[in-house]
C-alpha atoms as a PDB file:
ATOM      1  CA  MET A   1      23.639   6.502  11.987  1.00  0.00           C
ATOM      2  CA  ASN A   2      22.686   9.694  10.055  1.00  0.00           C
ATOM      3  CA  SER A   3      20.043  11.563  12.471  1.00  0.00           C
ATOM      4  CA  LYS A   4      18.202  12.603   9.277  1.00  0.00           C
ATOM      5  CA  LEU A   5      17.536   9.046   8.555  1.00  0.00           C
ATOM      6  CA  ILE A   6      16.255   8.389  12.129  1.00  0.00           C
ATOM      7  CA  ILE A   7      13.822  11.425  11.565  1.00  0.00           C
ATOM      8  CA  ILE A   8      12.700  10.734   7.858  1.00  0.00           C
ATOM      9  CA  PHE A   9      11.303   7.378   8.718  1.00  0.00           C
ATOM     10  CA  LEU A  10       9.975   8.185  12.160  1.00  0.00           C
ATOM     11  CA  ALA A  11       7.605   5.272  12.904  1.00  0.00           C
ATOM     12  CA  ILE A  12       9.155   4.963  16.291  1.00  0.00           C
ATOM     13  CA  ALA A  13       6.472   4.463  19.092  1.00  0.00           C
ATOM     14  CA  LEU A  14       6.708   7.440  21.659  1.00  0.00           C
ATOM     15  CA  VAL A  15       5.501   5.024  24.259  1.00  0.00           C
ATOM     16  CA  PRO A  16       5.909   1.369  24.284  1.00  0.00           C
ATOM     17  CA  LEU A  17       3.599  -0.510  21.554  1.00  0.00           C
ATOM     18  CA  ALA A  18       0.939  -2.436  23.455  1.00  0.00           C
ATOM     19  CA  LEU A  19      -0.646  -4.463  20.792  1.00  0.00           C
ATOM     20  CA  PRO A  20      -4.386  -4.948  20.952  1.00  0.00           C
ATOM     21  CA  SER A  21      -6.068  -8.463  21.441  1.00  0.00           C
ATOM     22  CA  VAL A  22      -8.069  -9.479  18.247  1.00  0.00           C
ATOM     23  CA  ALA A  23     -10.251 -12.421  18.094  1.00  0.00           C
ATOM     24  CA  GLN A  24      -8.908 -14.517  14.642  1.00  0.00           C
ATOM     25  CA  VAL A  25      -9.872 -17.798  13.462  1.00  0.00           C
ATOM     26  CA  GLY A  26      -7.558 -18.134  10.604  1.00  0.00           C
ATOM     27  CA  GLU A  27      -4.235 -19.656  10.746  1.00  0.00           C
ATOM     28  CA  LEU A  28      -0.824 -18.133  10.252  1.00  0.00           C
ATOM     29  CA  ALA A  29       1.982 -19.580   8.023  1.00  0.00           C
ATOM     30  CA  ASN A  30       5.633 -18.426   7.664  1.00  0.00           C
ATOM     31  CA  GLY A  31       7.685 -18.207   4.415  1.00  0.00           C
ATOM     32  CA  THR A  32      10.921 -17.064   2.731  1.00  0.00           C
ATOM     33  CA  VAL A  33      12.060 -16.156  -0.428  1.00  0.00           C
ATOM     34  CA  ILE A  34      15.588 -16.039  -1.599  1.00  0.00           C
ATOM     35  CA  THR A  35      16.506 -14.084  -4.756  1.00  0.00           C
ATOM     36  CA  SER A  36      19.798 -12.606  -6.313  1.00  0.00           C
ATOM     37  CA  SER A  37      18.295  -9.395  -4.476  1.00  0.00           C
ATOM     38  CA  GLY A  38      18.539 -10.782  -1.118  1.00  0.00           C
ATOM     39  CA  THR A  39      16.254 -12.885   1.264  1.00  0.00           C
ATOM     40  CA  ARG A  40      12.928 -11.793   3.069  1.00  0.00           C
ATOM     41  CA  ASN A  41      10.714 -13.775   5.621  1.00  0.00           C
ATOM     42  CA  TYR A  42       7.055 -13.221   5.532  1.00  0.00           C
ATOM     43  CA  GLN A  43       3.848 -14.015   7.485  1.00  0.00           C
ATOM     44  CA  LEU A  44       0.933 -15.582   5.512  1.00  0.00           C
ATOM     45  CA  TRP A  45      -2.560 -15.238   7.192  1.00  0.00           C
ATOM     46  CA  VAL A  46      -5.005 -17.869   5.874  1.00  0.00           C
ATOM     47  CA  PRO A  47      -8.393 -17.094   6.547  1.00  0.00           C
ATOM     48  CA  SER A  48     -10.594 -20.145   8.048  1.00  0.00           C
ATOM     49  CA  GLY A  49     -12.890 -19.607   4.461  1.00  0.00           C
ATOM     50  CA  TYR A  50      -9.491 -21.245   2.836  1.00  0.00           C
ATOM     51  CA  GLN A  51      -9.429 -24.140   5.271  1.00  0.00           C
ATOM     52  CA  ASN A  52     -13.070 -25.066   5.538  1.00  0.00           C
ATOM     53  CA  ARG A  53     -13.870 -24.792   1.880  1.00  0.00           C
ATOM     54  CA  ASP A  54     -12.654 -25.681  -1.587  1.00  0.00           C
ATOM     55  CA  LYS A  55      -8.962 -24.933  -1.396  1.00  0.00           C
ATOM     56  CA  ARG A  56      -8.593 -25.430  -5.151  1.00  0.00           C
ATOM     57  CA  LYS A  57     -10.818 -21.990  -5.628  1.00  0.00           C
ATOM     58  CA  PRO A  58      -8.076 -19.128  -6.021  1.00  0.00           C
ATOM     59  CA  LEU A  59      -8.284 -16.224  -3.333  1.00  0.00           C
ATOM     60  CA  PRO A  60      -7.500 -12.699  -3.645  1.00  0.00           C
ATOM     61  CA  LEU A  61      -4.227 -11.532  -1.680  1.00  0.00           C
ATOM     62  CA  VAL A  62      -3.341  -8.360   0.120  1.00  0.00           C
ATOM     63  CA  MET A  63      -0.147  -7.602   0.927  1.00  0.00           C
ATOM     64  CA  MET A  64       0.701  -5.490   3.868  1.00  0.00           C
ATOM     65  CA  LEU A  65       4.064  -3.650   4.242  1.00  0.00           C
ATOM     66  CA  HIS A  66       4.823  -2.553   7.830  1.00  0.00           C
ATOM     67  CA  SER A  67       6.469   1.015   8.918  1.00  0.00           C
ATOM     68  CA  CYS A  68       9.955   1.492  10.426  1.00  0.00           C
ATOM     69  CA  MET A  69      10.491  -0.068  13.834  1.00  0.00           C
ATOM     70  CA  GLN A  70       7.631  -2.470  13.131  1.00  0.00           C
ATOM     71  CA  LYS A  71       7.359  -6.227  12.274  1.00  0.00           C
ATOM     72  CA  PRO A  72       4.566  -8.048  10.561  1.00  0.00           C
ATOM     73  CA  GLU A  73       2.893  -8.801  13.475  1.00  0.00           C
ATOM     74  CA  ASP A  74       2.704  -5.228  14.725  1.00  0.00           C
ATOM     75  CA  LEU A  75       1.096  -4.081  11.602  1.00  0.00           C
ATOM     76  CA  ALA A  76      -1.421  -7.357  11.416  1.00  0.00           C
ATOM     77  CA  ALA A  77      -2.402  -5.955  15.168  1.00  0.00           C
ATOM     78  CA  ILE A  78      -2.976  -2.241  14.431  1.00  0.00           C
ATOM     79  CA  SER A  79      -4.756  -2.885  11.102  1.00  0.00           C
ATOM     80  CA  ALA A  80      -6.696  -5.881  12.149  1.00  0.00           C
ATOM     81  CA  MET A  81      -6.675  -6.618   8.431  1.00  0.00           C
ATOM     82  CA  ASN A  82      -6.768 -10.509   9.403  1.00  0.00           C
ATOM     83  CA  GLU A  83     -10.057  -9.900  11.034  1.00  0.00           C
ATOM     84  CA  VAL A  84     -11.243  -8.479   7.608  1.00  0.00           C
ATOM     85  CA  ALA A  85      -9.851 -11.162   5.749  1.00  0.00           C
ATOM     86  CA  ASP A  86     -11.743 -13.779   7.810  1.00  0.00           C
ATOM     87  CA  LYS A  87     -14.828 -11.998   7.080  1.00  0.00           C
ATOM     88  CA  ASN A  88     -14.197 -11.840   3.506  1.00  0.00           C
ATOM     89  CA  ASN A  89     -12.231 -14.914   2.523  1.00  0.00           C
ATOM     90  CA  PHE A  90      -8.880 -13.403   1.260  1.00  0.00           C
ATOM     91  CA  LEU A  91      -5.098 -14.114   2.113  1.00  0.00           C
ATOM     92  CA  VAL A  92      -2.791 -11.700   3.761  1.00  0.00           C
ATOM     93  CA  VAL A  93       0.890 -11.428   3.318  1.00  0.00           C
ATOM     94  CA  TYR A  94       2.972  -9.454   5.456  1.00  0.00           C
ATOM     95  CA  PRO A  95       6.876  -9.304   4.201  1.00  0.00           C
ATOM     96  CA  GLU A  96       9.328  -8.195   6.992  1.00  0.00           C
ATOM     97  CA  GLN A  97      12.274  -5.906   6.498  1.00  0.00           C
ATOM     98  CA  THR A  98      15.716  -6.914   8.098  1.00  0.00           C
ATOM     99  CA  LYS A  99      17.946  -4.852  10.211  1.00  0.00           C
ATOM    100  CA  GLU A 100      20.542  -5.546   7.627  1.00  0.00           C
ATOM    101  CA  ALA A 101      18.735  -3.975   4.898  1.00  0.00           C
ATOM    102  CA  ASN A 102      18.064  -0.938   7.027  1.00  0.00           C
ATOM    103  CA  SER A 103      18.769  -0.511  10.785  1.00  0.00           C
ATOM    104  CA  LEU A 104      15.401   0.906  11.547  1.00  0.00           C
ATOM    105  CA  ARG A 105      13.627  -1.775   9.668  1.00  0.00           C
ATOM    106  CA  CYS A 106      12.232   0.645   6.915  1.00  0.00           C
ATOM    107  CA  TRP A 107      11.608  -0.084   3.404  1.00  0.00           C
ATOM    108  CA  ASN A 108      14.046   1.664   1.453  1.00  0.00           C
ATOM    109  CA  TRP A 109      11.570   3.612  -0.887  1.00  0.00           C
ATOM    110  CA  PHE A 110      13.764   6.681  -0.819  1.00  0.00           C
ATOM    111  CA  ASP A 111      16.640   4.553  -2.464  1.00  0.00           C
ATOM    112  CA  THR A 112      16.893   4.732  -6.207  1.00  0.00           C
ATOM    113  CA  LYS A 113      18.255   1.136  -5.887  1.00  0.00           C
ATOM    114  CA  HIS A 114      14.616   0.226  -4.489  1.00  0.00           C
ATOM    115  CA  GLN A 115      12.534   2.094  -6.976  1.00  0.00           C
ATOM    116  CA  ALA A 116      12.743   0.119 -10.020  1.00  0.00           C
ATOM    117  CA  ARG A 117      11.108  -3.110 -11.507  1.00  0.00           C
ATOM    118  CA  ASP A 118      13.457  -6.673 -11.118  1.00  0.00           C
ATOM    119  CA  SER A 119      15.841  -5.014  -8.754  1.00  0.00           C
ATOM    120  CA  GLY A 120      16.188  -4.413  -4.737  1.00  0.00           C
ATOM    121  CA  GLU A 121      13.109  -4.623  -2.617  1.00  0.00           C
ATOM    122  CA  PRO A 122      10.559  -4.538  -5.140  1.00  0.00           C
ATOM    123  CA  SER A 123      11.980  -7.539  -6.798  1.00  0.00           C
ATOM    124  CA  LEU A 124      11.817  -9.238  -3.385  1.00  0.00           C
ATOM    125  CA  LEU A 125       8.147  -8.238  -2.858  1.00  0.00           C
ATOM    126  CA  ALA A 126       7.268  -9.365  -6.043  1.00  0.00           C
ATOM    127  CA  ALA A 127       9.042 -12.615  -5.357  1.00  0.00           C
ATOM    128  CA  ILE A 128       6.806 -12.982  -2.216  1.00  0.00           C
ATOM    129  CA  VAL A 129       3.947 -12.827  -4.106  1.00  0.00           C
ATOM    130  CA  GLN A 130       4.971 -15.681  -6.342  1.00  0.00           C
ATOM    131  CA  LYS A 131       5.765 -17.744  -3.579  1.00  0.00           C
ATOM    132  CA  VAL A 132       2.461 -17.695  -1.923  1.00  0.00           C
ATOM    133  CA  ASP A 133       0.936 -18.144  -5.332  1.00  0.00           C
ATOM    134  CA  SER A 134       3.056 -21.460  -5.399  1.00  0.00           C
ATOM    135  CA  THR A 135       1.857 -22.547  -2.156  1.00  0.00           C
ATOM    136  CA  HIS A 136      -1.848 -20.979  -1.895  1.00  0.00           C
ATOM    137  CA  LYS A 137      -3.781 -20.456  -4.992  1.00  0.00           C
ATOM    138  CA  ILE A 138      -4.343 -17.139  -5.616  1.00  0.00           C
ATOM    139  CA  ASP A 139      -6.887 -15.103  -7.817  1.00  0.00           C
ATOM    140  CA  GLY A 140      -4.272 -13.043 -10.033  1.00  0.00           C
ATOM    141  CA  ARG A 141      -6.786 -10.489 -10.976  1.00  0.00           C
ATOM    142  CA  ARG A 142      -7.072  -9.670  -7.113  1.00  0.00           C
ATOM    143  CA  VAL A 143      -3.914  -9.067  -5.640  1.00  0.00           C
ATOM    144  CA  TYR A 144      -3.536  -5.639  -3.752  1.00  0.00           C
ATOM    145  CA  VAL A 145      -0.706  -3.799  -1.758  1.00  0.00           C
ATOM    146  CA  ALA A 146      -1.057  -1.408   1.044  1.00  0.00           C
ATOM    147  CA  GLY A 147       0.805  -0.173   3.775  1.00  0.00           C
ATOM    148  CA  ILE A 148       1.548   2.644   6.199  1.00  0.00           C
ATOM    149  CA  SER A 149       4.213   5.413   6.383  1.00  0.00           C
ATOM    150  CA  ALA A 150       7.619   4.072   4.749  1.00  0.00           C
ATOM    151  CA  GLY A 151       5.380   0.859   3.925  1.00  0.00           C
ATOM    152  CA  ALA A 152       2.780   3.136   2.160  1.00  0.00           C
ATOM    153  CA  ALA A 153       5.520   4.814   0.153  1.00  0.00           C
ATOM    154  CA  MET A 154       6.890   1.453  -0.967  1.00  0.00           C
ATOM    155  CA  ALA A 155       3.221   0.251  -1.610  1.00  0.00           C
ATOM    156  CA  VAL A 156       3.170   3.291  -4.427  1.00  0.00           C
ATOM    157  CA  VAL A 157       6.550   2.075  -5.693  1.00  0.00           C
ATOM    158  CA  MET A 158       5.121  -1.556  -6.048  1.00  0.00           C
ATOM    159  CA  GLY A 159       1.949  -0.354  -7.645  1.00  0.00           C
ATOM    160  CA  ALA A 160       4.108   1.394 -10.201  1.00  0.00           C
ATOM    161  CA  THR A 161       7.009  -1.013 -10.744  1.00  0.00           C
ATOM    162  CA  TYR A 162       4.435  -4.201 -11.089  1.00  0.00           C
ATOM    163  CA  PRO A 163       1.078  -2.789 -12.477  1.00  0.00           C
ATOM    164  CA  ASP A 164       0.795  -6.285 -14.086  1.00  0.00           C
ATOM    165  CA  LEU A 165       0.979  -7.783 -10.666  1.00  0.00           C
ATOM    166  CA  PHE A 166      -1.068  -5.524  -8.346  1.00  0.00           C
ATOM    167  CA  SER A 167      -4.694  -4.389  -9.137  1.00  0.00           C
ATOM    168  CA  GLY A 168      -4.717  -1.707  -6.509  1.00  0.00           C
ATOM    169  CA  VAL A 169      -2.903   0.142  -3.864  1.00  0.00           C
ATOM    170  CA  GLY A 170      -3.679   1.535  -0.401  1.00  0.00           C
ATOM    171  CA  VAL A 171      -1.541   4.189   1.065  1.00  0.00           C
ATOM    172  CA  MET A 172      -1.724   5.079   4.870  1.00  0.00           C
ATOM    173  CA  ALA A 173       0.322   8.147   5.416  1.00  0.00           C
ATOM    174  CA  GLY A 174       2.585   7.727   2.238  1.00  0.00           C
ATOM    175  CA  LEU A 175       4.388   9.745  -0.641  1.00  0.00           C
ATOM    176  CA  ALA A 176       4.126   9.781  -4.137  1.00  0.00           C
ATOM    177  CA  PHE A 177       6.547   7.688  -6.354  1.00  0.00           C
ATOM    178  CA  LYS A 178      10.085   8.907  -6.228  1.00  0.00           C
ATOM    179  CA  ALA A 179       8.871  11.777  -3.666  1.00  0.00           C
ATOM    180  CA  GLY A 180      12.453  11.201  -2.673  1.00  0.00           C
ATOM    181  CA  THR A 181      15.475   9.663  -3.908  1.00  0.00           C
ATOM    182  CA  THR A 182      17.957  10.401  -1.258  1.00  0.00           C
ATOM    183  CA  VAL A 183      17.575  10.760   2.423  1.00  0.00           C
ATOM    184  CA  GLU A 184      17.567  14.512   2.325  1.00  0.00           C
ATOM    185  CA  SER A 185      14.967  14.825  -0.265  1.00  0.00           C
ATOM    186  CA  GLY A 186      12.799  12.354   1.141  1.00  0.00           C
ATOM    187  CA  LEU A 187      12.878  14.346   4.565  1.00  0.00           C
ATOM    188  CA  ALA A 188      12.124  17.385   2.784  1.00  0.00           C
ATOM    189  CA  ALA A 189       9.152  15.584   0.994  1.00  0.00           C
ATOM    190  CA  MET A 190       7.769  14.687   4.374  1.00  0.00           C
ATOM    191  CA  LYS A 191       7.566  18.085   5.597  1.00  0.00           C
ATOM    192  CA  GLN A 192       6.643  19.908   2.199  1.00  0.00           C
ATOM    193  CA  GLY A 193       5.920  17.349  -0.416  1.00  0.00           C
ATOM    194  CA  GLY A 194       7.862  16.155  -3.197  1.00  0.00           C
ATOM    195  CA  PRO A 195       8.467  17.128  -6.745  1.00  0.00           C
ATOM    196  CA  GLU A 196       5.789  18.372  -9.134  1.00  0.00           C
ATOM    197  CA  PRO A 197       3.382  15.409  -8.934  1.00  0.00           C
ATOM    198  CA  LYS A 198       2.491  15.010 -12.846  1.00  0.00           C
ATOM    199  CA  GLN A 199       6.058  14.818 -13.376  1.00  0.00           C
ATOM    200  CA  GLN A 200       6.183  11.880 -10.906  1.00  0.00           C
ATOM    201  CA  GLY A 201       3.120  10.529 -12.528  1.00  0.00           C
ATOM    202  CA  LEU A 202       5.214  10.122 -15.802  1.00  0.00           C
ATOM    203  CA  LEU A 203       8.085   8.712 -13.945  1.00  0.00           C
ATOM    204  CA  ALA A 204       5.826   6.251 -12.290  1.00  0.00           C
ATOM    205  CA  PHE A 205       4.433   5.218 -15.787  1.00  0.00           C
ATOM    206  CA  LYS A 206       8.017   4.675 -17.227  1.00  0.00           C
ATOM    207  CA  ALA A 207       9.011   2.632 -14.051  1.00  0.00           C
ATOM    208  CA  THR A 208       7.620  -0.550 -15.561  1.00  0.00           C
ATOM    209  CA  GLY A 209      10.198  -0.512 -18.079  1.00  0.00           C
ATOM    210  CA  ASN A 210       7.831  -2.011 -20.686  1.00  0.00           C
ATOM    211  CA  LYS A 211       8.236  -5.386 -18.843  1.00  0.00           C
ATOM    212  CA  THR A 212       4.547  -6.102 -18.211  1.00  0.00           C
ATOM    213  CA  SER A 213       4.492  -9.303 -20.135  1.00  0.00           C
ATOM    214  CA  GLY A 214       2.457  -7.857 -23.132  1.00  0.00           C
ATOM    215  CA  LYS A 215      -0.460  -6.908 -20.886  1.00  0.00           C
ATOM    216  CA  SER A 216      -2.451  -3.803 -21.333  1.00  0.00           C
ATOM    217  CA  ILE A 217      -2.618  -2.090 -18.079  1.00  0.00           C
ATOM    218  CA  ARG A 218      -5.417   0.314 -18.333  1.00  0.00           C
ATOM    219  CA  ARG A 219      -5.697   1.629 -14.901  1.00  0.00           C
ATOM    220  CA  MET A 220      -4.386   1.219 -11.097  1.00  0.00           C
ATOM    221  CA  PRO A 221      -7.032   2.229  -8.288  1.00  0.00           C
ATOM    222  CA  VAL A 222      -5.496   3.967  -5.586  1.00  0.00           C
ATOM    223  CA  ILE A 223      -7.020   4.804  -2.011  1.00  0.00           C
ATOM    224  CA  VAL A 224      -5.381   7.150   0.392  1.00  0.00           C
ATOM    225  CA  PHE A 225      -5.767   7.951   3.854  1.00  0.00           C
ATOM    226  CA  HIS A 226      -4.025  10.711   5.786  1.00  0.00           C
ATOM    227  CA  GLY A 227      -4.308  12.670   9.168  1.00  0.00           C
ATOM    228  CA  ASP A 228      -4.489  16.358   9.068  1.00  0.00           C
ATOM    229  CA  ALA A 229      -2.867  16.239  12.556  1.00  0.00           C
ATOM    230  CA  ASP A 230       0.118  13.977  11.122  1.00  0.00           C
ATOM    231  CA  PRO A 231       3.109  15.479  12.764  1.00  0.00           C
ATOM    232  CA  TYR A 232       5.767  13.870  10.627  1.00  0.00           C
ATOM    233  CA  LEU A 233       4.293  13.762   7.141  1.00  0.00           C
ATOM    234  CA  SER A 234       2.381  16.883   5.841  1.00  0.00           C
ATOM    235  CA  PRO A 235      -1.044  15.886   4.165  1.00  0.00           C
ATOM    236  CA  ILE A 236       0.009  17.683   0.960  1.00  0.00           C
ATOM    237  CA  ASN A 237       1.598  14.174   0.288  1.00  0.00           C
ATOM    238  CA  ALA A 238      -1.900  12.739   0.182  1.00  0.00           C
ATOM    239  CA  ASP A 239      -2.791  15.225  -2.652  1.00  0.00           C
ATOM    240  CA  GLN A 240       0.405  14.349  -4.219  1.00  0.00           C
ATOM    241  CA  VAL A 241       0.011  10.703  -4.229  1.00  0.00           C
ATOM    242  CA  ILE A 242      -3.304  11.212  -5.948  1.00  0.00           C
ATOM    243  CA  ALA A 243      -2.175  14.010  -8.404  1.00  0.00           C
ATOM    244  CA  GLN A 244       0.465  11.561  -9.233  1.00  0.00           C
ATOM    245  CA  TRP A 245      -1.649   8.549  -9.836  1.00  0.00           C
ATOM    246  CA  ALA A 246      -4.090  10.554 -11.849  1.00  0.00           C
ATOM    247  CA  LYS A 247      -1.198  11.275 -14.305  1.00  0.00           C
ATOM    248  CA  THR A 248      -0.137   7.746 -14.189  1.00  0.00           C
ATOM    249  CA  ASN A 249      -3.413   6.261 -15.022  1.00  0.00           C
ATOM    250  CA  ASP A 250      -3.631   9.058 -17.850  1.00  0.00           C
ATOM    251  CA  TYR A 251      -0.683   7.355 -19.454  1.00  0.00           C
ATOM    252  CA  PHE A 252      -1.727   4.145 -18.531  1.00  0.00           C
ATOM    253  CA  ASP A 253      -5.161   4.604 -20.167  1.00  0.00           C
ATOM    254  CA  ASP A 254      -3.779   5.249 -23.784  1.00  0.00           C
ATOM    255  CA  GLY A 255      -0.093   5.850 -23.365  1.00  0.00           C
ATOM    256  CA  ASN A 256      -0.685   9.847 -23.851  1.00  0.00           C
ATOM    257  CA  ASP A 257      -0.722  12.824 -21.482  1.00  0.00           C
ATOM    258  CA  ASN A 258      -4.182  14.010 -22.576  1.00  0.00           C
ATOM    259  CA  ASP A 259      -5.942  14.348 -19.066  1.00  0.00           C
ATOM    260  CA  SER A 260      -8.056  11.518 -19.282  1.00  0.00           C
ATOM    261  CA  VAL A 261      -7.971  11.177 -15.936  1.00  0.00           C
ATOM    262  CA  LYS A 262      -8.542  13.982 -13.671  1.00  0.00           C
ATOM    263  CA  SER A 263      -6.855  14.931 -10.172  1.00  0.00           C
ATOM    264  CA  GLU A 264      -9.930  17.094  -9.112  1.00  0.00           C
ATOM    265  CA  PRO A 265     -12.973  15.055  -7.416  1.00  0.00           C
ATOM    266  CA  VAL A 266     -16.080  14.301  -8.669  1.00  0.00           C
ATOM    267  CA  GLU A 267     -17.582  13.902  -5.286  1.00  0.00           C
ATOM    268  CA  THR A 268     -16.629  15.304  -1.692  1.00  0.00           C
ATOM    269  CA  ILE A 269     -18.379  13.524   1.091  1.00  0.00           C
ATOM    270  CA  GLU A 270     -18.473  14.780   4.784  1.00  0.00           C
ATOM    271  CA  GLY A 271     -18.495  11.976   7.429  1.00  0.00           C
ATOM    272  CA  SER A 272     -17.920  11.205  10.883  1.00  0.00           C
ATOM    273  CA  VAL A 273     -17.125   8.061  13.312  1.00  0.00           C
ATOM    274  CA  PRO A 274     -19.503   8.108  16.007  1.00  0.00           C
ATOM    275  CA  ALA A 275     -17.720   9.573  19.065  1.00  0.00           C
ATOM    276  CA  GLY A 276     -14.641   9.840  17.012  1.00  0.00           C
ATOM    277  CA  HIS A 277     -12.873  11.994  14.261  1.00  0.00           C
ATOM    278  CA  SER A 278     -14.787  13.677  11.185  1.00  0.00           C
ATOM    279  CA  TYR A 279     -13.238  12.883   7.816  1.00  0.00           C
ATOM    280  CA  THR A 280     -13.570  14.125   4.180  1.00  0.00           C
ATOM    281  CA  ARG A 281     -13.999  11.613   1.402  1.00  0.00           C
ATOM    282  CA  TYR A 282     -12.795  12.689  -2.099  1.00  0.00           C
ATOM    283  CA  VAL A 283     -13.722  10.299  -4.903  1.00  0.00           C
ATOM    284  CA  TYR A 284     -12.147  10.153  -8.336  1.00  0.00           C
ATOM    285  CA  ASN A 285     -13.333   8.654 -11.497  1.00  0.00           C
ATOM    286  CA  ASP A 286     -11.741   7.360 -14.701  1.00  0.00           C
ATOM    287  CA  ARG A 287     -12.762   8.721 -18.055  1.00  0.00           C
ATOM    288  CA  SER A 288     -15.689   6.390 -18.176  1.00  0.00           C
ATOM    289  CA  GLY A 289     -17.060   7.533 -15.019  1.00  0.00           C
ATOM    290  CA  ARG A 290     -15.879   4.422 -12.786  1.00  0.00           C
ATOM    291  CA  LEU A 291     -14.367   4.816  -9.549  1.00  0.00           C
ATOM    292  CA  LEU A 292     -10.581   4.903  -9.863  1.00  0.00           C
ATOM    293  CA  MET A 293      -9.314   6.829  -6.670  1.00  0.00           C
ATOM    294  CA  GLU A 294     -10.343   7.783  -3.240  1.00  0.00           C
ATOM    295  CA  LYS A 295      -8.619  10.236  -0.760  1.00  0.00           C
ATOM    296  CA  TRP A 296      -9.766  10.167   2.976  1.00  0.00           C
ATOM    297  CA  ILE A 297      -8.304  13.247   5.244  1.00  0.00           C
ATOM    298  CA  VAL A 298      -9.291  12.400   8.661  1.00  0.00           C
ATOM    299  CA  LYS A 299      -9.353  15.396  11.077  1.00  0.00           C
ATOM    300  CA  GLY A 300      -7.456  15.028  14.358  1.00  0.00           C
ATOM    301  CA  LEU A 301      -5.840  11.808  13.277  1.00  0.00           C
ATOM    302  CA  GLY A 302      -1.992  11.786  13.532  1.00  0.00           C
ATOM    303  CA  HIS A 303       0.532   9.436  12.154  1.00  0.00           C
ATOM    304  CA  GLY A 304      -1.315   6.262  12.484  1.00  0.00           C
ATOM    305  CA  TRP A 305      -3.763   3.516  11.319  1.00  0.00           C
ATOM    306  CA  SER A 306      -7.336   4.880  11.238  1.00  0.00           C
ATOM    307  CA  GLY A 307      -9.845   2.871  12.708  1.00  0.00           C
ATOM    308  CA  SER A 308      -7.512   0.364  14.744  1.00  0.00           C
ATOM    309  CA  HIS A 309      -8.867  -1.715  17.659  1.00  0.00           C
ATOM    310  CA  ALA A 310      -6.868   0.149  20.172  1.00  0.00           C
ATOM    311  CA  ALA A 311      -5.390   3.377  20.985  1.00  0.00           C
ATOM    312  CA  VAL A 312      -1.927   2.419  20.854  1.00  0.00           C
ATOM    313  CA  SER A 313       1.103   4.332  19.232  1.00  0.00           C
ATOM    314  CA  PHE A 314       0.754   4.587  15.535  1.00  0.00           C
ATOM    315  CA  ALA A 315      -3.011   3.705  15.549  1.00  0.00           C
ATOM    316  CA  ASP A 316      -6.146   5.589  16.070  1.00  0.00           C
ATOM    317  CA  PRO A 317      -9.658   3.783  16.909  1.00  0.00           C
ATOM    318  CA  LYS A 318     -11.294   7.128  16.571  1.00  0.00           C
ATOM    319  CA  GLY A 319     -10.756   7.316  12.667  1.00  0.00           C
ATOM    320  CA  PRO A 320     -12.904   5.533   9.901  1.00  0.00           C
ATOM    321  CA  ASN A 321     -11.993   1.718   9.688  1.00  0.00           C
ATOM    322  CA  ALA A 322      -9.141   2.037   7.065  1.00  0.00           C
ATOM    323  CA  SER A 323      -8.770  -1.721   6.602  1.00  0.00           C
ATOM    324  CA  ALA A 324     -12.340  -2.331   5.572  1.00  0.00           C
ATOM    325  CA  GLU A 325     -12.750   0.701   3.616  1.00  0.00           C
ATOM    326  CA  MET A 326      -9.480  -0.419   1.750  1.00  0.00           C
ATOM    327  CA  TRP A 327     -11.183  -3.951   0.959  1.00  0.00           C
ATOM    328  CA  ARG A 328     -14.544  -2.251   0.049  1.00  0.00           C
ATOM    329  CA  PHE A 329     -12.499   0.215  -2.699  1.00  0.00           C
ATOM    330  CA  PHE A 330     -10.716  -3.050  -3.960  1.00  0.00           C
ATOM    331  CA  GLY A 331     -13.782  -4.779  -4.184  1.00  0.00           C
ATOM    332  CA  GLU A 332     -15.661  -1.789  -5.884  1.00  0.00           C
ATOM    333  CA  THR A 333     -12.767  -1.329  -8.468  1.00  0.00           C
ATOM    334  CA  PHE A 334     -12.555  -4.840  -9.311  1.00  0.00           C
ATOM    335  CA  GLY A 335     -13.120  -5.940 -12.887  1.00  0.00           C
ATOM    336  CA  ALA A 336     -12.667  -2.691 -14.547  1.00  0.00           C
ATOM    337  CA  ALA A 337      -8.786  -3.379 -15.230  1.00  0.00           C
ATOM    338  CA  ALA A 338      -7.151  -5.624 -17.793  1.00  0.00           C
ATOM    339  CA  PRO A 339      -7.252  -9.436 -16.635  1.00  0.00           C
ATOM    340  CA  ARG A 340      -4.005 -10.344 -14.875  1.00  0.00           C
ATOM    341  CA  ARG A 341      -2.209 -13.445 -14.294  1.00  0.00           C
ATOM    342  CA  LEU A 342       0.997 -14.243 -12.117  1.00  0.00           C
ATOM    343  CA  ARG A 343       4.002 -14.651 -13.831  1.00  0.00           C
ATOM    344  CA  THR A 344       5.581 -18.004 -12.793  1.00  0.00           C
ATOM    345  CA  SER A 345       9.386 -16.759 -13.202  1.00  0.00           C
ATOM    346  CA  HIS A 346       9.837 -16.584  -9.284  1.00  0.00           C
ATOM    347  CA  ARG A 347       8.730 -20.223  -8.819  1.00  0.00           C
END
């Protein structure tokens, strides 16, 4: 295998991954989707609230995309998103990348075949949302996508290519849309950032291909976490994700490049975790003054999930709880975007 490919998606544990033990009260279900783009398995976490209450009531859904050399259960363990779901009554789906698609189990965010709507991995991931909606009632206004590393980069792709399906994006150590379109350019972006982010913002706006079922997409809330000690992805990528989405949201706002959304924060908040890392939280609003984006730079955090339950590879319990903060952010930005309904073409 190309050695650069190994480097670019380095989410390989430096020591064996010892998964934390987390008390859970929901249930896990397995599923599979088959489309013209291939086949993918997924795991679905069903919170106890869905089992014990009115199953006819639609629930929010969070799609979680694992990194390279991981499986769904690995991300579930280090993020503890299932525990957040049990407390707040939402579904969590974990798609699984195959070795056949990528020998390191990386989502192929860097490949142009997987950066467009209705093709490649984006179409498969969209199909998973539709499949879950066919088995469990989903609130189409509250479907979110998040990930770590290669999974975070693919989450950005999903937000750009399916803004009518997803109502928010969570990025843990990721990159801007099309930061790389080859292995080589992806590697360069990891180390020094990608192309000019405003240009990428326009590309992300165009990525929908005007196939949003006639829906008016007004905004895409985005929350970003990045460690300033990340040895694989430069923190400049966090800045570029924000700048890219500021420009994409500018276009979403009225179809024009008129700086209706700024890439400068309206508020900067310093904080720290007791006996843990300090952080800086940057807050960005839309043109109406509503919360639209957040960026968290965590001092001392490497390439790992912030606020994990255990100090294992690619997880750090000393940082702010990214899973809880992502859900808080999704809740605070809910209701400001245009109403969404899930399309039924994949059923």
